[in-house]
């Protein structure tokens, strides 16, 4: 799924560890890891916050 790949790509481009990113979102680093490995997906309500932190648009997560 493209969402997982994009979260990982944008997080790394913003020089954030999974731990730092999780802390900013109020979730565990394990949750971030699961999102990036496609074991589960972030709740849709998190997408605007994720996009803001990663300096991108919500639409960017769905565009190849």
PDB file of N, CA and C in Angstrom:
ATOM      1  N   UNK A   1       0.845  -1.192   0.000  1.00  0.00           N
ATOM      2  CA  UNK A   1       0.000   0.000   0.000  1.00  0.00           C
ATOM      3  C   UNK A   1       0.877   1.236   0.000  1.00  0.00           C
ATOM      4  N   UNK A   2       0.493   2.195  -0.748  1.00  0.00           N
ATOM      5  CA  UNK A   2       1.302   3.396  -0.902  1.00  0.00           C
ATOM      6  C   UNK A   2       1.363   4.245   0.365  1.00  0.00           C
ATOM      7  N   UNK A   3       0.328   4.216   1.198  1.00  0.00           N
ATOM      8  CA  UNK A   3       0.319   5.027   2.418  1.00  0.00           C
ATOM      9  C   UNK A   3       1.518   4.683   3.297  1.00  0.00           C
ATOM     10  N   UNK A   4       1.762   3.407   3.497  1.00  0.00           N
ATOM     11  CA  UNK A   4       2.875   2.963   4.342  1.00  0.00           C
ATOM     12  C   UNK A   4       4.212   3.441   3.789  1.00  0.00           C
ATOM     13  N   UNK A   5       4.392   3.285   2.492  1.00  0.00           N
ATOM     14  CA  UNK A   5       5.642   3.702   1.855  1.00  0.00           C
ATOM     15  C   UNK A   5       5.846   5.204   1.981  1.00  0.00           C
ATOM     16  N   UNK A   6       4.778   5.955   1.784  1.00  0.00           N
ATOM     17  CA  UNK A   6       4.876   7.417   1.846  1.00  0.00           C
ATOM     18  C   UNK A   6       5.168   7.900   3.261  1.00  0.00           C
ATOM     19  N   UNK A   7       4.513   7.313   4.253  1.00  0.00           N
ATOM     20  CA  UNK A   7       4.785   7.721   5.636  1.00  0.00           C
ATOM     21  C   UNK A   7       6.268   7.521   5.948  1.00  0.00           C
ATOM     22  N   UNK A   8       6.787   6.363   5.591  1.00  0.00           N
ATOM     23  CA  UNK A   8       8.198   6.066   5.854  1.00  0.00           C
ATOM     24  C   UNK A   8       9.112   7.032   5.101  1.00  0.00           C
ATOM     25  N   UNK A   9       8.828   7.249   3.829  1.00  0.00           N
ATOM     26  CA  UNK A   9       9.645   8.136   3.003  1.00  0.00           C
ATOM     27  C   UNK A   9       9.653   9.562   3.550  1.00  0.00           C
ATOM     28  N   UNK A  10       8.463  10.107   3.809  1.00  0.00           N
ATOM     29  CA  UNK A  10       8.379  11.480   4.300  1.00  0.00           C
ATOM     30  C   UNK A  10       8.970  11.613   5.708  1.00  0.00           C
ATOM     31  N   UNK A  11       8.775  10.604   6.552  1.00  0.00           N
ATOM     32  CA  UNK A  11       9.353  10.654   7.906  1.00  0.00           C
ATOM     33  C   UNK A  11      10.870  10.732   7.811  1.00  0.00           C
ATOM     34  N   UNK A  12      11.441   9.889   6.978  1.00  0.00           N
ATOM     35  CA  UNK A  12      12.905   9.895   6.820  1.00  0.00           C
ATOM     36  C   UNK A  12      13.400  11.192   6.203  1.00  0.00           C
ATOM     37  N   UNK A  13      12.665  11.709   5.213  1.00  0.00           N
ATOM     38  CA  UNK A  13      13.053  12.976   4.582  1.00  0.00           C
ATOM     39  C   UNK A  13      13.032  14.135   5.567  1.00  0.00           C
ATOM     40  N   UNK A  14      12.210  14.022   6.601  1.00  0.00           N
ATOM     41  CA  UNK A  14      12.133  15.047   7.643  1.00  0.00           C
ATOM     42  C   UNK A  14      13.047  14.741   8.821  1.00  0.00           C
ATOM     43  N   UNK A  15      13.905  13.732   8.660  1.00  0.00           N
ATOM     44  CA  UNK A  15      14.908  13.366   9.665  1.00  0.00           C
ATOM     45  C   UNK A  15      14.294  13.062  11.021  1.00  0.00           C
ATOM     46  N   UNK A  16      13.170  12.323  11.005  1.00  0.00           N
ATOM     47  CA  UNK A  16      12.501  11.923  12.238  1.00  0.00           C
ATOM     48  C   UNK A  16      12.641  10.421  12.432  1.00  0.00           C
ATOM     49  N   UNK A  17      12.978  10.030  13.648  1.00  0.00           N
ATOM     50  CA  UNK A  17      12.967   8.607  13.965  1.00  0.00           C
ATOM     51  C   UNK A  17      11.519   8.191  14.205  1.00  0.00           C
ATOM     52  N   UNK A  18      11.287   6.892  14.234  1.00  0.00           N
ATOM     53  CA  UNK A  18       9.944   6.414  14.556  1.00  0.00           C
ATOM     54  C   UNK A  18       9.542   6.874  15.950  1.00  0.00           C
ATOM     55  N   UNK A  19      10.494   6.885  16.858  1.00  0.00           N
ATOM     56  CA  UNK A  19      10.216   7.328  18.227  1.00  0.00           C
ATOM     57  C   UNK A  19       9.822   8.806  18.265  1.00  0.00           C
ATOM     58  N   UNK A  20      10.586   9.655  17.580  1.00  0.00           N
ATOM     59  CA  UNK A  20      10.279  11.090  17.563  1.00  0.00           C
ATOM     60  C   UNK A  20       8.922  11.358  16.907  1.00  0.00           C
ATOM     61  N   UNK A  21       8.698  10.698  15.796  1.00  0.00           N
ATOM     62  CA  UNK A  21       7.453  10.882  15.064  1.00  0.00           C
ATOM     63  C   UNK A  21       6.254  10.420  15.902  1.00  0.00           C
ATOM     64  N   UNK A  22       6.405   9.285  16.543  1.00  0.00           N
ATOM     65  CA  UNK A  22       5.343   8.772  17.405  1.00  0.00           C
ATOM     66  C   UNK A  22       5.037   9.715  18.552  1.00  0.00           C
ATOM     67  N   UNK A  23       6.079  10.256  19.166  1.00  0.00           N
ATOM     68  CA  UNK A  23       5.892  11.190  20.279  1.00  0.00           C
ATOM     69  C   UNK A  23       5.127  12.429  19.813  1.00  0.00           C
ATOM     70  N   UNK A  24       5.458  12.941  18.635  1.00  0.00           N
ATOM     71  CA  UNK A  24       4.773  14.121  18.107  1.00  0.00           C
ATOM     72  C   UNK A  24       3.297  13.853  17.819  1.00  0.00           C
ATOM     73  N   UNK A  25       2.995  12.610  17.445  1.00  0.00           N
ATOM     74  CA  UNK A  25       1.605  12.243  17.136  1.00  0.00           C
ATOM     75  C   UNK A  25       0.840  11.720  18.346  1.00  0.00           C
ATOM     76  N   UNK A  26       1.586  11.384  19.402  1.00  0.00           N
ATOM     77  CA  UNK A  26       0.936  10.820  20.581  1.00  0.00           C
ATOM     78  C   UNK A  26       0.655   9.331  20.459  1.00  0.00           C
ATOM     79  N   UNK A  27       1.491   8.646  19.663  1.00  0.00           N
ATOM     80  CA  UNK A  27       1.378   7.190  19.521  1.00  0.00           C
ATOM     81  C   UNK A  27       2.746   6.572  19.784  1.00  0.00           C
ATOM     82  N   UNK A  28       2.768   5.279  19.954  1.00  0.00           N
ATOM     83  CA  UNK A  28       4.033   4.597  20.254  1.00  0.00           C
ATOM     84  C   UNK A  28       4.884   4.429  18.994  1.00  0.00           C
ATOM     85  N   UNK A  29       6.192   4.285  19.176  1.00  0.00           N
ATOM     86  CA  UNK A  29       7.053   3.992  18.027  1.00  0.00           C
ATOM     87  C   UNK A  29       6.659   2.660  17.376  1.00  0.00           C
ATOM     88  N   UNK A  30       6.126   1.743  18.185  1.00  0.00           N
ATOM     89  CA  UNK A  30       5.683   0.456  17.644  1.00  0.00           C
ATOM     90  C   UNK A  30       4.523   0.659  16.671  1.00  0.00           C
ATOM     91  N   UNK A  31       3.641   1.617  16.971  1.00  0.00           N
ATOM     92  CA  UNK A  31       2.533   1.911  16.065  1.00  0.00           C
ATOM     93  C   UNK A  31       3.066   2.430  14.730  1.00  0.00           C
ATOM     94  N   UNK A  32       4.048   3.324  14.787  1.00  0.00           N
ATOM     95  CA  UNK A  32       4.648   3.862  13.562  1.00  0.00           C
ATOM     96  C   UNK A  32       5.272   2.723  12.760  1.00  0.00           C
ATOM     97  N   UNK A  33       5.988   1.855  13.438  1.00  0.00           N
ATOM     98  CA  UNK A  33       6.615   0.706  12.779  1.00  0.00           C
ATOM     99  C   UNK A  33       5.571  -0.169  12.091  1.00  0.00           C
ATOM    100  N   UNK A  34       4.470  -0.425  12.764  1.00  0.00           N
ATOM    101  CA  UNK A  34       3.401  -1.251  12.181  1.00  0.00           C
ATOM    102  C   UNK A  34       2.786  -0.573  10.964  1.00  0.00           C
ATOM    103  N   UNK A  35       2.622   0.750  11.029  1.00  0.00           N
ATOM    104  CA  UNK A  35       2.090   1.469   9.864  1.00  0.00           C
ATOM    105  C   UNK A  35       3.028   1.310   8.684  1.00  0.00           C
ATOM    106  N   UNK A  36       4.323   1.465   8.938  1.00  0.00           N
ATOM    107  CA  UNK A  36       5.308   1.428   7.859  1.00  0.00           C
ATOM    108  C   UNK A  36       5.506   0.017   7.298  1.00  0.00           C
ATOM    109  N   UNK A  37       5.187  -0.995   8.083  1.00  0.00           N
ATOM    110  CA  UNK A  37       5.296  -2.380   7.617  1.00  0.00           C
ATOM    111  C   UNK A  37       3.960  -2.926   7.113  1.00  0.00           C
ATOM    112  N   UNK A  38       2.949  -2.061   7.070  1.00  0.00           N
ATOM    113  CA  UNK A  38       1.621  -2.423   6.605  1.00  0.00           C
ATOM    114  C   UNK A  38       0.951  -3.502   7.448  1.00  0.00           C
ATOM    115  N   UNK A  39       1.329  -3.587   8.726  1.00  0.00           N
ATOM    116  CA  UNK A  39       0.651  -4.513   9.636  1.00  0.00           C
ATOM    117  C   UNK A  39      -0.690  -3.938  10.065  1.00  0.00           C
ATOM    118  N   UNK A  40      -0.772  -2.628  10.078  1.00  0.00           N
ATOM    119  CA  UNK A  40      -2.015  -1.919  10.331  1.00  0.00           C
ATOM    120  C   UNK A  40      -1.835  -0.522   9.750  1.00  0.00           C
ATOM    121  N   UNK A  41      -2.894   0.247   9.772  1.00  0.00           N
ATOM    122  CA  UNK A  41      -2.853   1.577   9.181  1.00  0.00           C
ATOM    123  C   UNK A  41      -3.289   2.609  10.203  1.00  0.00           C
ATOM    124  N   UNK A  42      -2.804   3.832  10.066  1.00  0.00           N
ATOM    125  CA  UNK A  42      -3.232   4.870  11.006  1.00  0.00           C
ATOM    126  C   UNK A  42      -4.718   5.139  10.838  1.00  0.00           C
ATOM    127  N   UNK A  43      -5.363   5.480  11.918  1.00  0.00           N
ATOM    128  CA  UNK A  43      -6.754   5.895  11.860  1.00  0.00           C
ATOM    129  C   UNK A  43      -6.836   7.087  10.922  1.00  0.00           C
ATOM    130  N   UNK A  44      -7.857   7.130  10.123  1.00  0.00           N
ATOM    131  CA  UNK A  44      -8.006   8.195   9.129  1.00  0.00           C
ATOM    132  C   UNK A  44      -7.971   9.582   9.758  1.00  0.00           C
ATOM    133  N   UNK A  45      -8.377   9.686  11.004  1.00  0.00           N
ATOM    134  CA  UNK A  45      -8.363  10.989  11.676  1.00  0.00           C
ATOM    135  C   UNK A  45      -6.947  11.491  11.937  1.00  0.00           C
ATOM    136  N   UNK A  46      -5.949  10.588  11.877  1.00  0.00           N
ATOM    137  CA  UNK A  46      -4.552  10.979  12.067  1.00  0.00           C
ATOM    138  C   UNK A  46      -3.942  11.587  10.801  1.00  0.00           C
ATOM    139  N   UNK A  47      -4.516  11.316   9.639  1.00  0.00           N
ATOM    140  CA  UNK A  47      -3.878  11.729   8.392  1.00  0.00           C
ATOM    141  C   UNK A  47      -3.599  13.225   8.295  1.00  0.00           C
ATOM    142  N   UNK A  48      -4.506  14.110   8.680  1.00  0.00           N
ATOM    143  CA  UNK A  48      -4.158  15.541   8.618  1.00  0.00           C
ATOM    144  C   UNK A  48      -2.970  15.895   9.520  1.00  0.00           C
ATOM    145  N   UNK A  49      -2.895  15.320  10.714  1.00  0.00           N
ATOM    146  CA  UNK A  49      -1.766  15.591  11.619  1.00  0.00           C
ATOM    147  C   UNK A  49      -0.477  15.018  11.064  1.00  0.00           C
ATOM    148  N   UNK A  50      -0.552  13.831  10.496  1.00  0.00           N
ATOM    149  CA  UNK A  50       0.628  13.203   9.893  1.00  0.00           C
ATOM    150  C   UNK A  50       1.133  14.078   8.754  1.00  0.00           C
ATOM    151  N   UNK A  51       0.214  14.515   7.887  1.00  0.00           N
ATOM    152  CA  UNK A  51       0.605  15.353   6.749  1.00  0.00           C
ATOM    153  C   UNK A  51       1.225  16.664   7.218  1.00  0.00           C
ATOM    154  N   UNK A  52       0.648  17.269   8.232  1.00  0.00           N
ATOM    155  CA  UNK A  52       1.193  18.534   8.743  1.00  0.00           C
ATOM    156  C   UNK A  52       2.603  18.345   9.286  1.00  0.00           C
ATOM    157  N   UNK A  53       2.801  17.303  10.077  1.00  0.00           N
ATOM    158  CA  UNK A  53       4.130  17.048  10.651  1.00  0.00           C
ATOM    159  C   UNK A  53       5.166  16.729   9.576  1.00  0.00           C
ATOM    160  N   UNK A  54       4.725  16.061   8.513  1.00  0.00           N
ATOM    161  CA  UNK A  54       5.649  15.649   7.464  1.00  0.00           C
ATOM    162  C   UNK A  54       5.728  16.654   6.317  1.00  0.00           C
ATOM    163  N   UNK A  55       5.043  17.777   6.493  1.00  0.00           N
ATOM    164  CA  UNK A  55       5.087  18.879   5.518  1.00  0.00           C
ATOM    165  C   UNK A  55       4.660  18.417   4.123  1.00  0.00           C
ATOM    166  N   UNK A  56       3.508  17.754   4.079  1.00  0.00           N
ATOM    167  CA  UNK A  56       2.967  17.301   2.806  1.00  0.00           C
ATOM    168  C   UNK A  56       1.449  17.395   2.874  1.00  0.00           C
ATOM    169  N   UNK A  57       0.805  16.979   1.831  1.00  0.00           N
ATOM    170  CA  UNK A  57      -0.651  16.973   1.759  1.00  0.00           C
ATOM    171  C   UNK A  57      -1.171  15.566   2.041  1.00  0.00           C
ATOM    172  N   UNK A  58      -2.366  15.455   2.562  1.00  0.00           N
ATOM    173  CA  UNK A  58      -2.984  14.142   2.766  1.00  0.00           C
ATOM    174  C   UNK A  58      -3.041  13.400   1.427  1.00  0.00           C
ATOM    175  N   UNK A  59      -3.314  14.128   0.350  1.00  0.00           N
ATOM    176  CA  UNK A  59      -3.373  13.509  -0.976  1.00  0.00           C
ATOM    177  C   UNK A  59      -2.060  12.860  -1.378  1.00  0.00           C
ATOM    178  N   UNK A  60      -0.941  13.374  -0.880  1.00  0.00           N
ATOM    179  CA  UNK A  60       0.369  12.816  -1.220  1.00  0.00           C
ATOM    180  C   UNK A  60       0.495  11.358  -0.815  1.00  0.00           C
ATOM    181  N   UNK A  61      -0.250  10.939   0.199  1.00  0.00           N
ATOM    182  CA  UNK A  61      -0.166   9.556   0.658  1.00  0.00           C
ATOM    183  C   UNK A  61      -0.796   8.577  -0.320  1.00  0.00           C
ATOM    184  N   UNK A  62      -1.608   9.092  -1.250  1.00  0.00           N
ATOM    185  CA  UNK A  62      -2.342   8.229  -2.152  1.00  0.00           C
ATOM    186  C   UNK A  62      -1.923   8.374  -3.612  1.00  0.00           C
ATOM    187  N   UNK A  63      -0.972   9.236  -3.880  1.00  0.00           N
ATOM    188  CA  UNK A  63      -0.500   9.483  -5.242  1.00  0.00           C
ATOM    189  C   UNK A  63       0.815   8.746  -5.460  1.00  0.00           C
ATOM    190  N   UNK A  64       0.908   8.036  -6.566  1.00  0.00           N
ATOM    191  CA  UNK A  64       2.151   7.300  -6.855  1.00  0.00           C
ATOM    192  C   UNK A  64       3.155   8.156  -7.563  1.00  0.00           C
TER     193      UNK A  64
END
